[in-house]
Structure formats: structure tokens, C-alpha cells
Amino acid sequence: MKGAVLVAIADSIGNFLQGWDNATIAGSILYIKKDLALQTTMEGLVVAMSLIGATVITTCSGPISDWLGQRPMLIISSVLYFLGSLVMLWSPNVYVLCLARLLDGFGIGLAVTLVPVYISETAPSDIRGSLNTLPQFSGSGGMFLSYCMVFVMSLSASPSWRVMLGVLAIPSLFFFILTLFFLPESPRWLVSKGKMLEAKKVLSTITWPGRCVRRDGIAS
């Protein structure tokens, strides 16, 4: 059971990044508007681009994850978060910034869609509900820490909105490392592909000894 809890905590970092991004753009948009001389329409577009990206990617994330697996999609999400944050850090103009926000939104869409599904497919049934509260908790925690960061940075003589947005690269890189080297593939997805032995191996490492894997890949 300890393994399942650790996997759920690592997985929920995807929602932590989503909360972090939402709070950061809310705090930094004042400096973006002033620095880039944005009109109201462009200001709204900068904020909304991540939501647009998230909405677009969620329409196809389910079928793609059924094909590739949950773990590869979470890795892709972490990469999109990381690339988006680096481009935001570099953004020379509002158009590049919008592109970066779109990439970031793709990462958000994958994370908020797949993180709860992944936890449901890896957690033992008796703690599955409890572990599925982690994404909401981590998302709120990300927002709180991001607001604290923006507040501290706003106290400087010349706050940099690029740095505010680019700091996301640090937790994004951490999320990438965890998804790549720590998170196993969903046992349910493995069973759906006929990989029963691999599914049992995953369950033996993240759940109590003696649990069995049902035909749908869920531990019982």
C-alpha cells in the first residue's frame, strides 16, 4: 500500500503544476500588460491560451492514452509543462508568449484528465477514494505556493514576469524525472493489452502482497 501512496503523490504533481500555473499568470499579468503594452483583448488571450490548449487536448487525450498508455501521456504532459515554461521565460513578444501558454495548456489538459484516472487504476480499492483527493489538494497547494512566490518577487524594484512564469520549469523537471523513472504503467492498461504478467508485477510492487489482479486490471 505504501507504494501506491507514493505513486499517487508523485502522479498528483501534475495537478500541482496546474495550480501553480493558474496562480502565476493571475499575479504576473499585471506586469505582462505593462511591459508589452497589451490591450484588453490580448491580455485576456494571454490568460486564456492555457485554457484553450487544455480544452483542445482533453478532447483526444482519452483515446490516445488508451493506445499509448497512461505513463507515456504523463511523461508527455511533463515535457509540455517544461517546454512551455522555458518558452515563457524567453518570450520576446506577446505572440511567443501565447504559443508558450498554449504548450503549457496542453500539459495541463493531459495532467488534469489522466492523473485521477491513473490513480484509480493503480490504487487498492480500499484507499482509492482517499488517494483521489490528492490531485485537488496538490492543485490548491500549487496555487498557494505560487501566490507566495509572486508576492515575494513583486516586492523587488523591478519584478520580472518572465522569471515568475519560468520558475515553473523547476517543478516541471522534477515531475518529468518522476514520471520517467518512478511511475509504472497502469496495470489496467497492461491487462487491456494482454500483458497480464507485467500487470501482476506492477501490482506486486505498489500494493499489498497477495492481492490479485482482476480481468479489468484493478487490484482486489
Protein backbone atom coordinates (compact mmCIF):
# COMPACT_ATOMS: atom_id res chain seq x y z
CA MET A 1 0.00 0.00 0.00
CA LYS A 2 2.89 2.36 0.72
CA GLY A 3 3.99 2.06 -2.90
CA ALA A 4 0.53 3.01 -4.15
CA VAL A 5 0.51 6.10 -1.94
CA LEU A 6 3.94 7.22 -3.16
CA VAL A 7 2.89 6.67 -6.78
CA ALA A 8 -0.27 8.72 -6.24
CA ILE A 9 1.69 11.56 -4.62
CA ALA A 10 4.20 11.61 -7.49
CA ASP A 11 1.39 11.48 -10.04
CA SER A 12 -0.54 14.35 -8.43
CA ILE A 13 2.38 16.71 -9.04
CA GLY A 14 0.76 17.19 -12.45
CA ASN A 15 -2.15 18.94 -10.71
CA PHE A 16 0.30 20.86 -8.52
CA LEU A 17 1.77 22.34 -11.71
CA GLN A 18 -1.69 23.23 -12.97
CA GLY A 19 -2.49 25.13 -9.78
CA TRP A 20 0.92 26.80 -9.87
CA ASP A 21 0.40 28.00 -13.43
CA ASN A 22 -3.09 29.34 -12.76
CA ALA A 23 -1.89 31.41 -9.82
CA THR A 24 1.27 32.63 -11.53
CA ILE A 25 -0.47 34.02 -14.59
CA ALA A 26 -3.02 35.74 -12.33
CA GLY A 27 -0.24 37.52 -10.47
CA SER A 28 2.10 38.23 -13.36
CA ILE A 29 -0.44 39.50 -15.90
CA LEU A 30 -0.22 42.99 -14.37
CA TYR A 31 3.48 43.16 -15.26
CA ILE A 32 2.95 41.50 -18.65
CA LYS A 33 0.30 44.04 -19.59
CA LYS A 34 2.55 46.94 -18.64
CA ASP A 35 5.73 45.58 -20.24
CA LEU A 36 4.17 44.50 -23.55
CA ALA A 37 1.59 47.32 -23.68
CA LEU A 38 -1.30 44.91 -24.12
CA GLN A 39 -4.84 45.90 -24.95
CA THR A 40 -7.67 44.23 -23.07
CA THR A 41 -8.28 41.65 -25.81
CA MET A 42 -4.66 40.48 -25.93
CA GLU A 43 -4.46 40.48 -22.15
CA GLY A 44 -7.43 38.14 -22.00
CA LEU A 45 -5.97 35.97 -24.74
CA VAL A 46 -2.67 35.54 -22.88
CA VAL A 47 -4.54 34.37 -19.80
CA ALA A 48 -6.94 32.15 -21.75
CA MET A 49 -4.41 30.41 -24.00
CA SER A 50 -3.64 27.72 -21.44
CA LEU A 51 -7.36 27.05 -21.02
CA ILE A 52 -7.76 26.83 -24.79
CA GLY A 53 -4.87 24.38 -25.00
CA ALA A 54 -6.26 22.30 -22.13
CA THR A 55 -9.71 22.18 -23.71
CA VAL A 56 -8.35 21.08 -27.07
CA ILE A 57 -6.10 18.34 -25.71
CA THR A 58 -8.73 16.83 -23.41
CA THR A 59 -10.93 16.03 -26.40
CA CYS A 60 -8.40 13.46 -27.62
CA SER A 61 -6.40 12.53 -24.51
CA GLY A 62 -8.63 9.56 -23.67
CA PRO A 63 -8.32 7.65 -26.95
CA ILE A 64 -4.60 8.41 -27.21
CA SER A 65 -3.93 7.21 -23.66
CA ASP A 66 -5.87 4.01 -24.43
CA TRP A 67 -3.46 3.50 -27.31
CA LEU A 68 -0.14 4.60 -25.79
CA GLY A 69 -0.78 4.03 -22.10
CA GLN A 70 -1.18 6.36 -19.13
CA ARG A 71 2.53 6.61 -18.27
CA PRO A 72 3.73 7.87 -21.70
CA MET A 73 0.98 10.50 -21.69
CA LEU A 74 2.04 11.72 -18.25
CA ILE A 75 5.63 11.94 -19.50
CA ILE A 76 4.43 13.99 -22.48
CA SER A 77 2.50 16.24 -20.07
CA SER A 78 5.64 16.90 -18.02
CA VAL A 79 7.62 17.68 -21.18
CA LEU A 80 4.95 20.14 -22.35
CA TYR A 81 4.97 21.83 -18.96
CA PHE A 82 8.76 22.12 -19.10
CA LEU A 83 8.95 23.39 -22.68
CA GLY A 84 6.13 25.85 -22.10
CA SER A 85 7.84 27.30 -19.03
CA LEU A 86 11.15 27.71 -20.87
CA VAL A 87 9.48 29.49 -23.78
CA MET A 88 7.61 31.75 -21.33
CA LEU A 89 10.93 32.56 -19.68
CA TRP A 90 12.35 33.57 -23.08
CA SER A 91 9.25 35.20 -24.63
CA PRO A 92 10.36 38.27 -26.62
CA ASN A 93 6.80 39.29 -27.55
CA VAL A 94 3.18 38.52 -26.89
CA TYR A 95 2.86 36.06 -29.79
CA VAL A 96 5.61 33.81 -28.48
CA LEU A 97 4.11 34.13 -25.02
CA CYS A 98 0.74 32.95 -26.35
CA LEU A 99 2.44 29.96 -28.00
CA ALA A 100 4.16 29.12 -24.74
CA ARG A 101 0.87 29.38 -22.87
CA LEU A 102 -0.71 27.05 -25.43
CA LEU A 103 2.01 24.42 -24.87
CA ASP A 104 1.54 24.81 -21.15
CA GLY A 105 -2.20 24.33 -21.62
CA PHE A 106 -1.62 21.07 -23.46
CA GLY A 107 0.35 19.84 -20.46
CA ILE A 108 -2.39 20.98 -18.11
CA GLY A 109 -5.10 19.24 -20.13
CA LEU A 110 -3.25 15.93 -20.09
CA ALA A 111 -2.47 16.15 -16.38
CA VAL A 112 -5.92 17.05 -15.08
CA THR A 113 -7.50 14.37 -17.29
CA LEU A 114 -5.10 11.50 -16.70
CA VAL A 115 -3.87 11.96 -13.12
CA PRO A 116 -7.18 10.89 -11.47
CA VAL A 117 -7.55 8.04 -13.95
CA TYR A 118 -4.02 6.82 -13.28
CA ILE A 119 -4.55 6.91 -9.51
CA SER A 120 -7.81 4.99 -9.88
CA GLU A 121 -6.09 2.31 -11.93
CA THR A 122 -3.12 1.85 -9.59
CA ALA A 123 -4.59 2.32 -6.10
CA PRO A 124 -6.04 -0.54 -3.99
CA SER A 125 -9.81 -0.35 -3.78
CA ASP A 126 -9.92 0.40 -0.04
CA ILE A 127 -7.86 3.60 -0.33
CA ARG A 128 -8.72 4.61 -3.90
CA GLY A 129 -11.15 7.33 -2.86
CA SER A 130 -8.72 8.83 -0.37
CA LEU A 131 -5.88 8.91 -2.87
CA ASN A 132 -8.07 10.58 -5.46
CA THR A 133 -8.31 13.62 -3.18
CA LEU A 134 -4.58 14.21 -3.70
CA PRO A 135 -4.92 15.94 -7.11
CA GLN A 136 -7.29 18.55 -5.64
CA PHE A 137 -5.09 19.03 -2.59
CA SER A 138 -1.89 19.35 -4.63
CA GLY A 139 -3.56 21.75 -7.07
CA SER A 140 -4.57 24.04 -4.19
CA GLY A 141 -1.08 23.72 -2.72
CA GLY A 142 0.45 24.74 -6.03
CA MET A 143 -1.74 27.83 -6.18
CA PHE A 144 -0.84 28.84 -2.63
CA LEU A 145 2.91 28.45 -3.13
CA SER A 146 2.77 30.26 -6.46
CA TYR A 147 0.91 33.22 -4.98
CA CYS A 148 3.54 33.38 -2.23
CA MET A 149 6.31 33.38 -4.85
CA VAL A 150 4.66 36.11 -6.92
CA PHE A 151 4.13 38.22 -3.80
CA VAL A 152 7.78 37.95 -2.76
CA MET A 153 9.02 38.70 -6.28
CA SER A 154 6.67 41.68 -6.58
CA LEU A 155 8.49 43.32 -3.66
CA SER A 156 11.61 43.77 -5.78
CA ALA A 157 12.37 47.05 -7.51
CA SER A 158 11.71 45.63 -10.99
CA PRO A 159 9.67 42.40 -10.91
CA SER A 160 10.22 40.12 -13.92
CA TRP A 161 7.12 38.41 -15.21
CA ARG A 162 9.30 36.15 -17.34
CA VAL A 163 11.02 34.77 -14.26
CA MET A 164 7.66 34.41 -12.48
CA LEU A 165 6.38 32.23 -15.32
CA GLY A 166 9.68 30.48 -15.99
CA VAL A 167 10.08 29.19 -12.44
CA LEU A 168 7.52 26.55 -13.45
CA ALA A 169 10.40 24.77 -15.21
CA ILE A 170 11.83 23.61 -11.86
CA PRO A 171 8.85 21.57 -10.60
CA SER A 172 8.13 20.53 -14.20
CA LEU A 173 11.59 18.97 -14.47
CA PHE A 174 11.01 17.19 -11.16
CA PHE A 175 7.68 15.86 -12.47
CA PHE A 176 9.41 14.66 -15.65
CA ILE A 177 12.04 12.75 -13.68
CA LEU A 178 9.40 11.06 -11.53
CA THR A 179 7.18 10.09 -14.47
CA LEU A 180 10.14 8.75 -16.41
CA PHE A 181 11.92 6.79 -13.69
CA PHE A 182 9.41 6.18 -10.89
CA LEU A 183 5.86 5.80 -12.17
CA PRO A 184 4.95 2.34 -13.52
CA GLU A 185 2.46 1.75 -16.29
CA SER A 186 -1.17 1.40 -15.28
CA PRO A 187 -1.93 -2.29 -14.57
CA ARG A 188 -5.37 -1.87 -16.10
CA TRP A 189 -3.84 -0.65 -19.37
CA LEU A 190 -1.40 -3.56 -19.34
CA VAL A 191 -4.25 -6.04 -18.91
CA SER A 192 -6.16 -4.40 -21.76
CA LYS A 193 -3.16 -5.15 -23.97
CA GLY A 194 -2.94 -8.75 -22.75
CA LYS A 195 0.17 -8.15 -20.63
CA MET A 196 -1.02 -9.97 -17.51
CA LEU A 197 2.41 -10.83 -16.15
CA GLU A 198 3.56 -7.23 -16.35
CA ALA A 199 0.34 -6.08 -14.68
CA LYS A 200 0.84 -8.52 -11.79
CA LYS A 201 4.43 -7.36 -11.42
CA VAL A 202 3.34 -3.74 -11.16
CA LEU A 203 0.65 -4.57 -8.62
CA SER A 204 3.09 -6.57 -6.53
CA THR A 205 5.32 -3.51 -6.19
CA ILE A 206 2.67 -0.91 -5.36
CA THR A 207 0.03 -2.86 -3.36
CA TRP A 208 -0.10 -5.31 -0.51
CA PRO A 209 1.41 -8.77 -1.13
CA GLY A 210 -1.21 -11.34 -2.01
CA ARG A 211 -3.52 -9.01 -3.88
CA CYS A 212 -4.67 -10.34 -7.21
CA VAL A 213 -5.37 -8.56 -10.46
CA ARG A 214 -8.87 -8.84 -11.89
CA ARG A 215 -9.58 -9.18 -15.55
CA ASP A 216 -10.03 -5.40 -15.81
CA GLY A 217 -6.61 -4.80 -14.29
CA ILE A 218 -7.82 -3.48 -10.91
CA ALA A 219 -6.30 -4.78 -7.68
CA SER A 220 -8.71 -6.63 -5.41
